[in-house]
């Protein structure tokens, strides 16, 4: 899905949100590794990434051409500082109305409005794609993210107390959230 939007951040800089292009593969992969190194709130650790810059480039091109899925880059001062995306839960009739959502932002850019902007962009894309429900999982201890999602209308519909198990062998509780889009 094609997406493009510019907004002014709360620090005065311009945020460009757009699809990834083939030439963005290396920068997006670097962003993935950095964001997944900085936070224990994301699904994977950086060393679990199996992508190469070439595979990332192909993935970005594929997402741009999908009608019901999107991968949006957050760019500040020509630097990829975050990504967000929506993916269909499945193609079967019983779940075709649902999409999942994920977002990650470099820690030095937290608190500048990028998470809200990427989430709103993803909601916009999900509506455009015809989804009627958007879903996400968020680590319960990620209180800033939980607050953000609630402020945008997401509601909790469950909790998995053993949703993640970190490197230290400790469980992280994961909150299941959804947003009705119709």
Protein backbone atom coordinates (compact mmCIF):
# COMPACT_ATOMS: atom_id res chain seq x y z
CA UNK A 1 0.00 0.00 0.00
CA UNK A 2 1.34 3.40 -0.95
CA UNK A 3 1.54 5.97 1.86
CA UNK A 4 3.11 9.40 2.22
CA UNK A 5 2.66 12.14 4.80
CA UNK A 6 4.75 14.89 6.41
CA UNK A 7 4.07 16.36 9.84
CA UNK A 8 5.85 18.71 12.21
CA UNK A 9 7.10 17.03 15.37
CA UNK A 10 6.78 18.55 18.82
CA UNK A 11 10.50 19.48 18.64
CA UNK A 12 9.92 21.46 15.40
CA UNK A 13 11.54 19.01 12.99
CA UNK A 14 9.71 17.46 10.06
CA UNK A 15 8.74 13.79 10.14
CA UNK A 16 8.31 12.11 6.76
CA UNK A 17 6.25 8.93 6.80
CA UNK A 18 6.41 6.93 3.61
CA UNK A 19 6.73 3.48 2.17
CA UNK A 20 10.12 1.91 2.06
CA UNK A 21 11.83 1.80 -1.30
CA UNK A 22 14.33 -0.70 -2.61
CA UNK A 23 17.23 1.63 -1.74
CA UNK A 24 16.06 1.80 1.92
CA UNK A 25 16.86 -1.84 2.66
CA UNK A 26 20.15 -1.29 4.44
CA UNK A 27 18.91 1.69 6.50
CA UNK A 28 15.76 -0.16 7.56
CA UNK A 29 17.77 -3.23 8.55
CA UNK A 30 20.14 -1.04 10.60
CA UNK A 31 17.10 0.56 12.26
CA UNK A 32 15.65 -2.86 13.08
CA UNK A 33 18.87 -4.03 14.70
CA UNK A 34 19.23 -0.80 16.68
CA UNK A 35 15.63 -0.62 17.93
CA UNK A 36 15.64 -4.29 18.90
CA UNK A 37 18.91 -3.75 20.80
CA UNK A 38 17.60 -0.77 22.77
CA UNK A 39 14.38 -2.18 24.18
CA UNK A 40 13.20 -5.40 25.77
CA UNK A 41 9.62 -4.54 24.75
CA UNK A 42 9.90 -5.85 21.16
CA UNK A 43 9.15 -9.35 19.92
CA UNK A 44 12.67 -10.38 18.92
CA UNK A 45 16.30 -9.78 19.72
CA UNK A 46 18.55 -8.29 17.02
CA UNK A 47 20.55 -11.48 16.49
CA UNK A 48 17.34 -13.30 15.56
CA UNK A 49 17.02 -11.18 12.41
CA UNK A 50 17.47 -13.35 9.31
CA UNK A 51 17.20 -10.51 6.81
CA UNK A 52 20.03 -9.13 4.71
CA UNK A 53 19.89 -5.66 3.14
CA UNK A 54 18.86 -7.34 -0.13
CA UNK A 55 16.04 -9.31 1.53
CA UNK A 56 14.89 -6.17 3.34
CA UNK A 57 14.81 -4.27 0.03
CA UNK A 58 12.64 -6.99 -1.55
CA UNK A 59 10.36 -7.02 1.49
CA UNK A 60 9.87 -3.24 1.31
CA UNK A 61 9.07 -3.40 -2.42
CA UNK A 62 6.60 -6.23 -1.83
CA UNK A 63 4.85 -4.33 0.98
CA UNK A 64 4.54 -1.24 -1.18
CA UNK A 65 2.70 -3.27 -3.80
CA UNK A 66 0.34 -5.01 -1.37
CA UNK A 67 -3.23 -3.70 -1.34
CA UNK A 68 -3.99 -4.65 2.28
CA UNK A 69 -0.63 -4.42 4.02
CA UNK A 70 1.83 -1.61 4.66
CA UNK A 71 5.32 -0.93 5.98
CA UNK A 72 5.81 2.73 6.82
CA UNK A 73 9.16 4.34 7.51
CA UNK A 74 9.58 7.29 9.88
CA UNK A 75 12.29 9.60 8.56
CA UNK A 76 13.74 12.62 10.37
CA UNK A 77 16.61 14.60 8.86
CA UNK A 78 16.97 11.92 6.14
CA UNK A 79 17.47 9.20 8.78
CA UNK A 80 15.18 6.18 9.29
CA UNK A 81 14.24 6.54 12.95
CA UNK A 82 11.35 4.08 13.12
CA UNK A 83 9.03 1.76 11.28
CA UNK A 84 5.44 0.59 11.59
CA UNK A 85 3.36 -1.88 9.70
CA UNK A 86 0.06 -3.63 9.32
CA UNK A 87 -0.35 -7.23 8.25
CA UNK A 88 -3.47 -9.27 7.66
CA UNK A 89 -4.15 -11.86 10.36
CA UNK A 90 -5.16 -14.34 7.66
CA UNK A 91 -6.85 -14.73 4.30
CA UNK A 92 -9.73 -16.95 5.42
CA UNK A 93 -13.24 -15.51 5.48
CA UNK A 94 -13.46 -15.64 9.28
CA UNK A 95 -10.37 -13.48 9.88
CA UNK A 96 -10.02 -11.35 6.74
CA UNK A 97 -11.46 -8.37 8.64
CA UNK A 98 -8.53 -8.34 11.12
CA UNK A 99 -5.02 -6.90 10.86
CA UNK A 100 -2.11 -6.83 13.26
CA UNK A 101 0.04 -3.81 13.98
CA UNK A 102 3.62 -3.29 15.12
CA UNK A 103 5.88 -0.28 15.62
CA UNK A 104 9.44 0.42 16.71
CA UNK A 105 11.33 3.70 17.15
CA UNK A 106 14.93 4.50 18.01
CA UNK A 107 15.13 5.31 21.72
CA UNK A 108 16.69 8.75 21.13
CA UNK A 109 13.47 9.67 19.26
CA UNK A 110 11.01 8.54 21.94
CA UNK A 111 8.72 11.27 23.28
CA UNK A 112 8.70 13.35 20.09
CA UNK A 113 5.29 12.25 18.74
CA UNK A 114 6.62 9.69 16.26
CA UNK A 115 4.88 6.72 17.89
CA UNK A 116 1.53 8.50 17.76
CA UNK A 117 2.10 9.59 14.15
CA UNK A 118 3.07 6.08 13.00
CA UNK A 119 0.14 4.53 14.86
CA UNK A 120 -2.30 7.03 13.32
CA UNK A 121 -0.79 6.38 9.88
CA UNK A 122 -1.22 2.64 10.39
CA UNK A 123 -4.84 3.12 11.46
CA UNK A 124 -5.42 5.19 8.32
CA UNK A 125 -3.88 2.45 6.16
CA UNK A 126 -5.91 -0.27 7.90
CA UNK A 127 -9.15 1.61 7.23
CA UNK A 128 -8.15 2.21 3.61
CA UNK A 129 -7.43 -1.52 3.25
CA UNK A 130 -10.92 -2.36 4.47
CA UNK A 131 -10.07 -3.90 7.84
CA UNK A 132 -12.63 -3.53 10.59
CA UNK A 133 -10.36 -4.54 13.48
CA UNK A 134 -6.73 -3.72 14.25
CA UNK A 135 -4.86 -5.72 16.88
CA UNK A 136 -1.59 -5.51 18.77
CA UNK A 137 0.29 -7.13 21.62
CA UNK A 138 2.20 -4.85 24.00
CA UNK A 139 4.39 -5.67 26.99
CA UNK A 140 2.38 -4.61 30.04
CA UNK A 141 5.40 -2.83 31.55
CA UNK A 142 5.61 -0.60 28.46
CA UNK A 143 3.30 1.88 30.14
CA UNK A 144 3.96 4.71 27.65
CA UNK A 145 2.88 2.52 24.74
CA UNK A 146 -0.20 1.21 26.58
CA UNK A 147 -1.22 4.84 27.35
CA UNK A 148 -0.68 5.86 23.72
CA UNK A 149 -2.79 3.01 22.35
CA UNK A 150 -5.60 3.68 24.84
CA UNK A 151 -5.57 7.38 23.91
CA UNK A 152 -6.16 6.36 20.28
CA UNK A 153 -9.13 4.17 21.17
CA UNK A 154 -7.55 0.72 21.59
CA UNK A 155 -9.09 -1.43 24.31
CA UNK A 156 -7.64 -4.36 26.23
CA UNK A 157 -9.24 -7.70 25.58
CA UNK A 158 -6.88 -10.00 27.41
CA UNK A 159 -3.54 -10.55 29.00
CA UNK A 160 -0.97 -13.30 28.64
CA UNK A 161 1.08 -13.30 31.84
CA UNK A 162 3.73 -15.47 30.17
CA UNK A 163 3.56 -13.86 26.74
CA UNK A 164 7.31 -13.24 26.41
CA UNK A 165 10.26 -14.93 28.08
CA UNK A 166 13.35 -12.74 28.07
CA UNK A 167 17.02 -13.72 27.96
CA UNK A 168 17.21 -13.87 31.73
CA UNK A 169 14.40 -16.44 31.72
CA UNK A 170 11.87 -14.02 33.20
CA UNK A 171 8.35 -13.86 31.85
CA UNK A 172 6.89 -10.61 30.57
CA UNK A 173 3.15 -10.08 30.68
CA UNK A 174 1.70 -9.12 27.30
CA UNK A 175 -1.53 -7.13 26.97
CA UNK A 176 -3.75 -7.89 23.96
CA UNK A 177 -5.38 -4.78 22.51
CA UNK A 178 -7.75 -4.06 19.64
CA UNK A 179 -9.29 -1.13 17.85
CA UNK A 180 -12.60 -1.36 16.04
CA UNK A 181 -12.27 0.55 12.78
CA UNK A 182 -15.90 0.70 11.67
